[in-house]
Amino acid sequence: MTSALQVAYIFMFIREELSRFMCDPYGYLNAAERQNISQEMAKLRSQHLVVCEDLVVEPINQRHLAPFYVGVAIAEAEKTEEMPSSSVKQYGHLIMSEWNLNSFFGNNPSSVTRCPNKALLLVLPKNGQAVLVTDGCRYLCEDTARTGYLVETQLRGKSVAQAVLLGLRDAYSTLPLSVVQGEDGRS
């Protein structure tokens, strides 16, 4: 059983890693891989802005273009056999709530004024499992995303780093309604 101290350490580590939107407390990635993934995440975020139409209209930013954030958590589960998908998703949502992505990214946490522009790619290398969890289905829906399946397939024959990069690229490539930074995006 995981002790409270171990859980506290992991969440402390997650908070420290949040500046890069990635957490790898078990060291599956080397320094070069971490740097490469961090750079790819920053590039993809800057290239995929979503229109947060539900926010209050203001004169400066009437369309509320915001980056779509996909965080990465590479974790371990207590059991190394395959877990039910629902359990892995629940674990991903727990991490998302601990990261408190809504306030971290500057969105008002009110359900009336928030933009569902966040997702988390959770990878469990020892279990050979991965899942993409989202905070809504406006831009990307966890129930229809194939990202987790693609990462799981890559984990069988490739490195964790290659699997994560594939998952990130897939998640961003399936974003509907995204606007490349610097482009108007209006039809």
Protein backbone atom coordinates (compact mmCIF):
# COMPACT_ATOMS: atom_id res chain seq x y z
CA MET A 1 0.00 0.00 0.00
CA THR A 2 1.26 3.47 -0.80
CA SER A 3 1.97 5.45 2.34
CA ALA A 4 0.70 8.96 2.95
CA LEU A 5 4.31 10.16 2.93
CA GLN A 6 4.91 8.64 -0.53
CA VAL A 7 1.72 10.26 -1.85
CA ALA A 8 2.73 13.62 -0.35
CA TYR A 9 6.17 13.32 -1.96
CA ILE A 10 4.68 12.49 -5.35
CA PHE A 11 2.27 15.45 -5.22
CA MET A 12 5.11 17.74 -4.08
CA PHE A 13 7.14 16.53 -7.05
CA ILE A 14 4.14 17.09 -9.34
CA ARG A 15 3.83 20.71 -8.19
CA GLU A 16 7.54 21.31 -8.86
CA GLU A 17 7.21 19.78 -12.32
CA LEU A 18 4.10 21.78 -13.13
CA SER A 19 6.18 24.62 -14.50
CA ARG A 20 6.85 22.31 -17.46
CA PHE A 21 3.38 20.70 -17.44
CA MET A 22 5.04 17.33 -17.06
CA CYS A 23 5.71 14.98 -14.17
CA ASP A 24 8.01 11.96 -14.20
CA PRO A 25 8.71 11.18 -10.53
CA TYR A 26 9.93 7.64 -11.27
CA GLY A 27 12.56 8.72 -13.79
CA TYR A 28 11.38 6.99 -16.95
CA LEU A 29 12.83 9.84 -19.03
CA ASN A 30 16.43 11.00 -19.15
CA ALA A 31 17.31 14.71 -19.15
CA ALA A 32 17.50 14.97 -22.96
CA GLU A 33 14.12 13.26 -23.39
CA ARG A 34 12.52 15.53 -20.77
CA GLN A 35 13.93 18.59 -22.52
CA ASN A 36 12.74 17.39 -25.93
CA ILE A 37 9.21 16.66 -24.65
CA SER A 38 9.05 20.01 -22.81
CA GLN A 39 10.04 21.86 -25.99
CA GLU A 40 7.49 19.92 -28.06
CA MET A 41 4.77 20.68 -25.50
CA ALA A 42 5.56 24.41 -25.62
CA LYS A 43 5.56 24.38 -29.43
CA LEU A 44 2.25 22.51 -29.64
CA ARG A 45 0.63 24.83 -27.05
CA SER A 46 1.68 27.90 -29.00
CA GLN A 47 0.38 26.42 -32.27
CA HIS A 48 -3.04 25.39 -31.00
CA LEU A 49 -5.19 28.15 -29.61
CA VAL A 50 -8.86 27.53 -28.95
CA VAL A 51 -11.70 30.03 -28.90
CA CYS A 52 -13.26 30.22 -25.44
CA GLU A 53 -16.59 31.65 -26.56
CA ASP A 54 -18.34 31.05 -23.25
CA LEU A 55 -16.29 33.68 -21.45
CA VAL A 56 -17.60 37.18 -20.99
CA VAL A 57 -16.94 39.34 -24.04
CA GLU A 58 -14.42 42.10 -23.45
CA PRO A 59 -13.22 44.78 -25.88
CA ILE A 60 -9.58 43.66 -25.95
CA ASN A 61 -10.01 39.92 -26.51
CA GLN A 62 -13.53 39.32 -27.76
CA ARG A 63 -12.87 35.75 -28.84
CA HIS A 64 -10.75 34.75 -25.86
CA LEU A 65 -8.11 32.79 -27.73
CA ALA A 66 -6.29 30.58 -25.27
CA PRO A 67 -3.69 27.83 -25.62
CA PHE A 68 -4.88 24.27 -25.22
CA TYR A 69 -2.82 22.66 -22.47
CA VAL A 70 -1.99 18.96 -22.43
CA GLY A 71 -0.06 17.96 -19.34
CA VAL A 72 1.84 14.69 -19.05
CA ALA A 73 2.06 12.50 -15.97
CA ILE A 74 4.19 9.37 -16.13
CA ALA A 75 3.26 7.36 -13.09
CA GLU A 76 3.14 3.95 -11.53
CA ALA A 77 0.26 2.05 -10.03
CA GLU A 78 0.55 -0.26 -7.07
CA LYS A 79 -0.44 -3.24 -9.20
CA THR A 80 1.53 -3.95 -12.34
CA GLU A 81 -1.21 -5.88 -14.10
CA GLU A 82 -3.60 -4.06 -16.39
CA MET A 83 -6.16 -1.94 -14.57
CA PRO A 84 -9.70 -1.21 -15.77
CA SER A 85 -9.79 1.83 -18.05
CA SER A 86 -12.23 3.55 -15.70
CA SER A 87 -9.70 3.26 -12.85
CA VAL A 88 -6.91 4.74 -14.96
CA LYS A 89 -9.19 7.63 -15.99
CA GLN A 90 -10.12 8.22 -12.36
CA TYR A 91 -6.41 8.30 -11.47
CA GLY A 92 -5.87 10.85 -14.27
CA HIS A 93 -8.72 13.04 -13.03
CA LEU A 94 -7.31 12.87 -9.51
CA ILE A 95 -3.97 14.16 -10.80
CA MET A 96 -5.69 16.91 -12.82
CA SER A 97 -7.60 18.06 -9.74
CA GLU A 98 -4.43 17.99 -7.61
CA TRP A 99 -2.65 20.08 -10.22
CA ASN A 100 -5.61 22.50 -10.06
CA LEU A 101 -5.15 23.36 -13.71
CA ASN A 102 -8.07 25.80 -13.77
CA SER A 103 -6.48 28.28 -11.41
CA PHE A 104 -2.93 27.54 -12.56
CA PHE A 105 -3.66 28.60 -16.11
CA GLY A 106 -5.37 31.78 -14.96
CA ASN A 107 -8.94 30.76 -15.64
CA ASN A 108 -11.62 31.69 -13.21
CA PRO A 109 -12.63 28.36 -11.62
CA SER A 110 -16.30 29.33 -11.78
CA SER A 111 -18.23 26.85 -13.90
CA VAL A 112 -19.89 29.79 -15.68
CA THR A 113 -16.66 31.42 -16.84
CA ARG A 114 -14.12 28.67 -17.36
CA CYS A 115 -12.66 27.45 -20.60
CA PRO A 116 -12.26 23.65 -20.88
CA ASN A 117 -8.84 23.99 -22.55
CA LYS A 118 -6.96 21.37 -20.55
CA ALA A 119 -6.20 17.68 -20.78
CA LEU A 120 -3.81 15.25 -19.15
CA LEU A 121 -1.99 12.37 -20.77
CA LEU A 122 -1.45 9.78 -18.04
CA VAL A 123 1.06 7.05 -18.89
CA LEU A 124 1.61 3.96 -16.73
CA PRO A 125 4.64 2.30 -18.40
CA LYS A 126 4.82 -0.77 -16.12
CA ASN A 127 1.17 -1.51 -16.80
CA GLY A 128 1.45 -0.69 -20.49
CA GLN A 129 -1.49 1.67 -20.12
CA ALA A 130 -2.22 5.26 -21.02
CA VAL A 131 -5.25 7.49 -21.03
CA LEU A 132 -6.08 11.03 -22.06
CA VAL A 133 -8.39 12.73 -19.58
CA THR A 134 -10.07 16.05 -20.26
CA ASP A 135 -12.13 18.53 -18.30
CA GLY A 136 -14.87 18.60 -20.92
CA CYS A 137 -15.74 17.60 -24.46
CA ARG A 138 -15.85 21.04 -26.05
CA TYR A 139 -12.46 20.66 -27.77
CA LEU A 140 -11.27 17.15 -27.04
CA CYS A 141 -13.29 14.35 -25.46
CA GLU A 142 -11.60 11.65 -23.42
CA ASP A 143 -14.24 9.10 -24.35
CA THR A 144 -13.61 9.41 -28.08
CA ALA A 145 -9.89 10.24 -28.11
CA ARG A 146 -7.64 7.51 -29.50
CA THR A 147 -4.53 9.01 -27.89
CA GLY A 148 -4.36 6.58 -24.96
CA TYR A 149 -4.63 3.58 -27.27
CA LEU A 150 -1.87 4.92 -29.54
CA VAL A 151 0.44 5.49 -26.58
CA GLU A 152 -0.26 1.98 -25.24
CA THR A 153 0.61 0.52 -28.65
CA GLN A 154 3.86 2.53 -28.76
CA LEU A 155 4.81 1.45 -25.23
CA ARG A 156 5.03 -2.14 -26.45
CA GLY A 157 7.80 -1.48 -28.95
CA LYS A 158 9.19 2.00 -28.35
CA SER A 159 10.57 4.07 -25.53
CA VAL A 160 8.36 5.92 -23.06
CA ALA A 161 9.59 9.21 -24.56
CA GLN A 162 8.57 8.19 -28.09
CA ALA A 163 5.16 7.04 -26.83
CA VAL A 164 4.59 10.34 -24.98
CA LEU A 165 5.57 12.41 -28.03
CA LEU A 166 3.20 10.41 -30.22
CA GLY A 167 0.40 10.89 -27.70
CA LEU A 168 0.96 14.64 -27.45
CA ARG A 169 1.03 15.08 -31.22
CA ASP A 170 -2.09 12.98 -31.64
CA ALA A 171 -4.02 14.88 -28.98
CA TYR A 172 -3.19 18.23 -30.55
CA SER A 173 -3.79 17.00 -34.11
CA THR A 174 -7.35 16.00 -33.23
CA LEU A 175 -8.28 19.35 -31.69
CA PRO A 176 -11.17 20.83 -33.64
CA LEU A 177 -11.59 24.58 -33.85
CA SER A 178 -7.96 25.38 -33.04
CA VAL A 179 -6.30 28.49 -34.39
CA VAL A 180 -2.59 28.77 -35.10
CA GLN A 181 -1.04 31.58 -33.06
CA GLY A 182 -0.79 34.75 -35.17
CA GLU A 183 -3.61 33.73 -37.51
CA ASP A 184 -7.07 35.22 -37.29
CA GLY A 185 -8.92 31.93 -37.72
CA ARG A 186 -12.18 33.59 -38.70
CA SER A 187 -14.01 32.25 -41.72
